[in-house]
Amino acid sequence: MTTRALAAALLALLAACARVPPPTLARDPSALLDQVRVAQARVQRVRGAAALRIASPSFSGTVTEFIAAEKPDRVHLETLDFFGTPVAVLVAGGGRFAFYDARAKVFYRGEATPRNISRLLPFELPVEELVTILCGSAPLLPGAPLEVGQDDGFLLLTLGLGDVGQRVAVGEEASVGWSRVRKAGPPGARPEDLNPGYDLEFRAFADRGGARFPREVKLDAPASGARLQLSWHDDVEVNGALERELFQLAPPPGVRVEELPASGAGPAAVPPPGRRE
């Protein structure tokens, strides 16, 4: 076999091994966006325990977190110590927020602003986006669907809103494999300077509650230097009933209660009690 024939054979072999996107996905940007929205709407609620690994300039470690979330804006987070005792509890819903720091014996309440919701996170995040991510979905930029590309088994959907763009990798059953948001900047700008938000990656998909649900979520927030990895335990429940009491929190007897203003510094973020790194 000649060198040219060998090269052609190798190229054909590589092409045969390359992953291609599912044929059921639309190649039209608007139609593909509709498919993604329908797929992500299949998961409305989630509940279970998860391992949360945090790496940030302020603290790093791995904790066990009990999580309950329901779209669009209801969330319950409990950070547990080694013995399974809650050391911090955060709930939000209907625009209200409550947070109990068991170690400091202080109970905070106020509006569910991104700053208040960040009590258990090393960066600020709107509660609606937090709930969306916990439900295994990618928050979508409310912009125009611009184009569809292809890469490594995914269709790449590009959304645009002014000088901000989002690229979403769409795979099997229109599920999102990863999402990246970038803001236009001057030539030569560093990648971290072009990112106004965070990157997401969804992995380890399984059938749960009639939907394709990712049991692993990675979040990278370059602006704050923070990275999170959420790994759900095997008994995670998707689309099950959630009691209203999960999203209501009253101050325990004898603790100090602080009312938080709509704006301002609020309480400091609580470092995780788990294994430090």
Protein backbone atom coordinates (compact mmCIF):
# COMPACT_ATOMS: atom_id res chain seq x y z
CA MET A 1 0.00 0.00 0.00
CA THR A 2 1.36 3.41 -0.95
CA THR A 3 1.83 6.20 1.59
CA ARG A 4 -1.05 8.13 0.06
CA ALA A 5 -3.37 5.13 0.19
CA LEU A 6 -2.37 4.44 3.80
CA ALA A 7 -3.10 8.04 4.79
CA ALA A 8 -6.48 7.88 3.09
CA ALA A 9 -7.30 4.65 4.92
CA LEU A 10 -6.35 6.17 8.26
CA LEU A 11 -8.50 9.23 7.60
CA ALA A 12 -11.44 7.01 6.72
CA LEU A 13 -10.94 5.02 9.91
CA LEU A 14 -10.82 8.17 12.03
CA ALA A 15 -13.94 9.49 10.36
CA ALA A 16 -15.74 6.24 11.08
CA CYS A 17 -14.72 6.40 14.75
CA ALA A 18 -15.69 10.06 15.20
CA ARG A 19 -18.79 10.64 17.26
CA VAL A 20 -21.68 12.25 15.45
CA PRO A 21 -24.64 14.10 17.02
CA PRO A 22 -27.95 12.25 17.32
CA PRO A 23 -29.91 12.52 14.04
CA THR A 24 -33.07 13.52 15.92
CA LEU A 25 -31.59 16.92 16.84
CA ALA A 26 -32.69 19.87 14.73
CA ARG A 27 -30.05 21.74 12.73
CA ASP A 28 -32.05 24.96 12.75
CA PRO A 29 -31.00 27.18 15.72
CA SER A 30 -34.53 28.10 16.80
CA ALA A 31 -35.81 24.54 16.52
CA LEU A 32 -32.80 23.16 18.42
CA LEU A 33 -33.34 25.72 21.19
CA ASP A 34 -36.95 24.58 21.47
CA GLN A 35 -35.76 20.97 21.81
CA VAL A 36 -33.37 21.95 24.61
CA ARG A 37 -36.06 23.83 26.48
CA VAL A 38 -38.46 20.88 26.25
CA ALA A 39 -35.77 18.46 27.45
CA GLN A 40 -34.76 20.64 30.38
CA ALA A 41 -38.37 21.17 31.41
CA ARG A 42 -38.70 17.42 32.06
CA VAL A 43 -36.90 17.86 35.40
CA GLN A 44 -38.83 20.11 37.75
CA ARG A 45 -37.78 18.83 41.19
CA VAL A 46 -34.87 17.05 42.79
CA ARG A 47 -34.05 15.82 46.28
CA GLY A 48 -31.16 13.87 47.80
CA ALA A 49 -27.71 13.91 49.32
CA ALA A 50 -24.65 14.88 47.35
CA ALA A 51 -20.92 15.36 47.75
CA LEU A 52 -19.96 18.96 47.08
CA ARG A 53 -16.32 19.71 46.37
CA ILE A 54 -15.35 23.38 46.56
CA ALA A 55 -12.09 25.00 45.50
CA SER A 56 -11.83 28.76 45.94
CA PRO A 57 -9.44 31.44 47.23
CA SER A 58 -11.38 31.70 50.51
CA PHE A 59 -11.78 28.00 51.33
CA SER A 60 -11.57 24.56 49.80
CA GLY A 61 -12.96 21.23 50.91
CA THR A 62 -15.51 18.49 50.39
CA VAL A 63 -18.81 18.41 52.24
CA THR A 64 -21.99 16.38 52.28
CA GLU A 65 -25.01 18.44 51.30
CA PHE A 66 -28.68 17.59 51.55
CA ILE A 67 -30.46 19.32 48.69
CA ALA A 68 -34.06 19.87 47.68
CA ALA A 69 -34.91 22.13 44.76
CA GLU A 70 -37.97 22.93 42.69
CA LYS A 71 -38.16 25.20 39.67
CA PRO A 72 -38.31 28.09 39.36
CA ASP A 73 -36.97 29.43 42.68
CA ARG A 74 -37.40 27.07 45.65
CA VAL A 75 -34.29 25.59 47.25
CA HIS A 76 -33.28 23.93 50.51
CA LEU A 77 -29.58 23.37 51.30
CA GLU A 78 -28.23 21.68 54.43
CA THR A 79 -24.51 21.42 55.00
CA LEU A 80 -23.82 18.38 57.18
CA ASP A 81 -20.85 17.65 59.42
CA PHE A 82 -19.07 14.30 59.76
CA PHE A 83 -21.85 12.98 61.99
CA GLY A 84 -24.65 14.08 59.65
CA THR A 85 -25.69 17.02 61.83
CA PRO A 86 -26.68 20.22 59.95
CA VAL A 87 -24.25 23.05 60.60
CA ALA A 88 -25.86 25.46 58.13
CA VAL A 89 -29.32 25.52 56.55
CA LEU A 90 -30.44 27.79 53.72
CA VAL A 91 -33.91 27.97 52.21
CA ALA A 92 -35.43 30.27 49.61
CA GLY A 93 -38.71 30.54 47.77
CA GLY A 94 -41.15 33.15 46.58
CA GLY A 95 -38.53 35.88 46.78
CA ARG A 96 -37.71 35.25 50.46
CA PHE A 97 -34.59 33.82 52.04
CA ALA A 98 -33.66 32.34 55.43
CA PHE A 99 -30.30 31.09 56.63
CA TYR A 100 -29.30 29.51 59.93
CA ASP A 101 -25.65 29.34 60.93
CA ALA A 102 -25.72 26.67 63.65
CA ARG A 103 -22.12 27.23 64.70
CA ALA A 104 -22.59 30.96 65.27
CA LYS A 105 -26.18 30.54 66.53
CA VAL A 106 -27.43 33.28 64.20
CA PHE A 107 -30.54 33.23 62.02
CA TYR A 108 -30.70 35.54 59.01
CA ARG A 109 -33.73 36.33 56.85
CA GLY A 110 -34.58 38.74 54.06
CA GLU A 111 -34.97 38.87 50.31
CA ALA A 112 -33.60 36.09 48.12
CA THR A 113 -30.93 38.26 46.50
CA PRO A 114 -27.86 36.71 44.83
CA ARG A 115 -25.70 37.98 47.71
CA ASN A 116 -27.89 36.32 50.33
CA ILE A 117 -28.15 33.08 48.37
CA SER A 118 -24.34 32.91 48.22
CA ARG A 119 -24.04 32.13 51.95
CA LEU A 120 -23.05 28.54 51.14
CA LEU A 121 -21.29 29.31 47.84
CA PRO A 122 -18.00 31.10 47.07
CA PHE A 123 -19.68 33.36 44.47
CA GLU A 124 -23.01 35.09 43.92
CA LEU A 125 -25.74 33.36 41.95
CA PRO A 126 -29.43 34.21 41.42
CA VAL A 127 -31.67 31.65 43.09
CA GLU A 128 -33.45 30.81 39.82
CA GLU A 129 -30.13 29.89 38.20
CA LEU A 130 -29.04 27.87 41.23
CA VAL A 131 -32.28 25.87 41.15
CA THR A 132 -31.96 25.33 37.40
CA ILE A 133 -28.44 23.94 37.81
CA LEU A 134 -29.42 21.69 40.71
CA CYS A 135 -32.18 20.27 38.52
CA GLY A 136 -29.55 19.29 35.95
CA SER A 137 -30.31 22.09 33.51
CA ALA A 138 -28.25 24.92 32.06
CA PRO A 139 -29.57 28.47 32.49
CA LEU A 140 -30.08 29.76 28.95
CA LEU A 141 -29.23 33.26 27.81
CA PRO A 142 -32.47 35.08 26.88
CA GLY A 143 -31.06 36.00 23.51
CA ALA A 144 -31.46 35.04 19.89
CA PRO A 145 -30.45 31.58 18.61
CA LEU A 146 -27.73 32.41 16.08
CA GLU A 147 -26.15 29.28 14.65
CA VAL A 148 -25.61 25.55 15.01
CA GLY A 149 -22.22 23.88 14.72
CA GLN A 150 -20.94 20.38 15.43
CA ASP A 151 -18.18 18.94 17.60
CA ASP A 152 -17.41 15.52 19.12
CA GLY A 153 -20.92 14.10 19.16
CA PHE A 154 -22.62 17.38 20.08
CA LEU A 155 -24.47 20.06 18.20
CA LEU A 156 -23.16 23.44 19.35
CA LEU A 157 -25.96 25.97 19.72
CA THR A 158 -24.89 29.61 19.91
CA LEU A 159 -27.11 32.20 21.60
CA GLY A 160 -26.48 35.94 21.53
CA LEU A 161 -27.64 38.88 23.61
CA GLY A 162 -25.85 42.14 22.84
CA ASP A 163 -22.12 41.62 23.44
CA VAL A 164 -22.70 38.41 25.43
CA GLY A 165 -22.79 34.99 23.80
CA GLN A 166 -23.51 31.49 25.06
CA ARG A 167 -22.49 28.21 23.47
CA VAL A 168 -24.40 25.10 24.50
CA ALA A 169 -23.34 21.56 23.61
CA VAL A 170 -26.49 19.55 22.88
CA GLY A 171 -26.37 15.76 22.90
CA GLU A 172 -28.57 12.73 23.36
CA GLU A 173 -32.27 13.49 23.91
CA ALA A 174 -31.46 17.22 23.58
CA SER A 175 -29.66 17.18 26.95
CA VAL A 176 -26.93 19.76 27.60
CA GLY A 177 -23.40 18.39 27.94
CA TRP A 178 -21.78 21.74 28.68
CA SER A 179 -22.47 25.46 28.56
CA ARG A 180 -20.10 28.43 28.26
CA VAL A 181 -20.84 32.14 28.40
CA ARG A 182 -18.49 34.79 27.04
CA LYS A 183 -18.54 38.56 26.68
CA ALA A 184 -16.90 40.31 23.75
CA GLY A 185 -13.72 42.16 24.63
CA PRO A 186 -10.75 43.93 23.05
CA PRO A 187 -8.18 41.96 21.02
CA GLY A 188 -5.68 40.16 23.24
CA ALA A 189 -7.95 40.08 26.29
CA ARG A 190 -7.42 37.17 28.67
CA PRO A 191 -10.09 34.41 28.60
CA GLU A 192 -11.04 35.05 32.24
CA ASP A 193 -11.68 38.70 31.39
CA LEU A 194 -14.20 37.66 28.73
CA ASN A 195 -16.34 35.55 31.04
CA PRO A 196 -19.08 37.42 32.92
CA GLY A 197 -20.48 34.29 34.53
CA TYR A 198 -19.58 30.63 34.78
CA ASP A 199 -19.04 27.47 32.76
CA LEU A 200 -21.04 24.29 33.33
CA GLU A 201 -20.41 20.64 32.53
CA PHE A 202 -22.95 17.85 33.03
CA ARG A 203 -21.87 14.21 33.25
CA ALA A 204 -22.91 10.69 34.33
CA PHE A 205 -26.42 10.85 32.89
CA ALA A 206 -29.02 8.35 34.10
CA ASP A 207 -32.75 7.86 33.70
CA ARG A 208 -34.47 9.40 36.73
CA GLY A 209 -38.09 10.44 37.15
CA GLY A 210 -38.89 10.10 33.45
CA ALA A 211 -35.99 12.28 32.37
CA ARG A 212 -32.30 12.10 31.48
CA PHE A 213 -30.62 13.48 34.60
CA PRO A 214 -26.90 14.25 35.14
CA ARG A 215 -25.56 12.88 38.43
CA GLU A 216 -22.43 15.05 38.19
CA VAL A 217 -22.25 18.80 37.65
CA LYS A 218 -19.10 20.89 37.41
CA LEU A 219 -19.19 24.67 37.69
CA ASP A 220 -16.24 26.94 36.98
CA ALA A 221 -16.50 30.65 37.86
CA PRO A 222 -13.24 32.21 36.59
CA ALA A 223 -14.07 35.73 37.79
CA SER A 224 -14.09 34.58 41.44
CA GLY A 225 -11.52 31.82 41.03
CA ALA A 226 -14.02 29.24 42.29
CA ARG A 227 -14.75 25.71 41.11
CA LEU A 228 -17.48 23.37 42.31
CA GLN A 229 -18.21 19.74 41.62
CA LEU A 230 -21.54 18.26 42.70
CA SER A 231 -21.90 14.47 42.74
CA TRP A 232 -25.32 13.13 43.64
CA HIS A 233 -25.59 9.97 45.73
CA ASP A 234 -27.23 6.90 44.17
CA ASP A 235 -30.58 7.50 45.87
CA VAL A 236 -31.20 10.94 44.34
CA GLU A 237 -34.92 11.41 43.64
CA VAL A 238 -36.04 13.31 40.55
CA ASN A 239 -39.54 14.77 40.06
CA GLY A 240 -40.81 13.35 43.34
CA ALA A 241 -43.16 15.23 45.62
CA LEU A 242 -41.54 17.86 47.87
CA GLU A 243 -43.15 19.01 51.09
CA ARG A 244 -43.76 22.74 51.47
CA GLU A 245 -42.06 22.58 54.86
CA LEU A 246 -38.73 21.97 53.12
CA PHE A 247 -38.77 25.56 51.91
CA GLN A 248 -39.81 27.13 55.20
CA LEU A 249 -37.36 27.81 58.01
CA ALA A 250 -38.11 29.31 61.44
CA PRO A 251 -35.45 30.48 63.89
CA PRO A 252 -34.66 27.95 66.64
CA PRO A 253 -35.41 29.13 70.17
CA GLY A 254 -32.76 31.25 71.79
CA VAL A 255 -30.76 32.23 68.69
CA ARG A 256 -30.06 35.76 67.49
CA VAL A 257 -32.24 36.84 64.55
CA GLU A 258 -31.01 39.40 62.03
CA GLU A 259 -33.16 41.01 59.36
CA LEU A 260 -31.14 41.63 56.20
CA PRO A 261 -31.78 44.72 54.07
CA ALA A 262 -32.57 44.41 50.38
CA SER A 263 -29.02 45.57 49.64
CA GLY A 264 -25.82 45.58 51.62
CA ALA A 265 -23.09 43.24 52.75
CA GLY A 266 -25.23 40.64 54.51
CA PRO A 267 -23.68 37.78 56.50
CA ALA A 268 -20.30 36.38 55.57
CA ALA A 269 -20.14 33.15 53.62
CA VAL A 270 -19.88 30.07 55.83
CA PRO A 271 -16.80 27.90 55.20
CA PRO A 272 -17.63 24.23 54.69
CA PRO A 273 -17.18 22.01 57.75
CA GLY A 274 -15.99 18.99 55.80
CA ARG A 275 -12.59 17.73 54.71
CA ARG A 276 -10.21 20.60 53.94
CA GLU A 277 -7.76 20.50 51.06
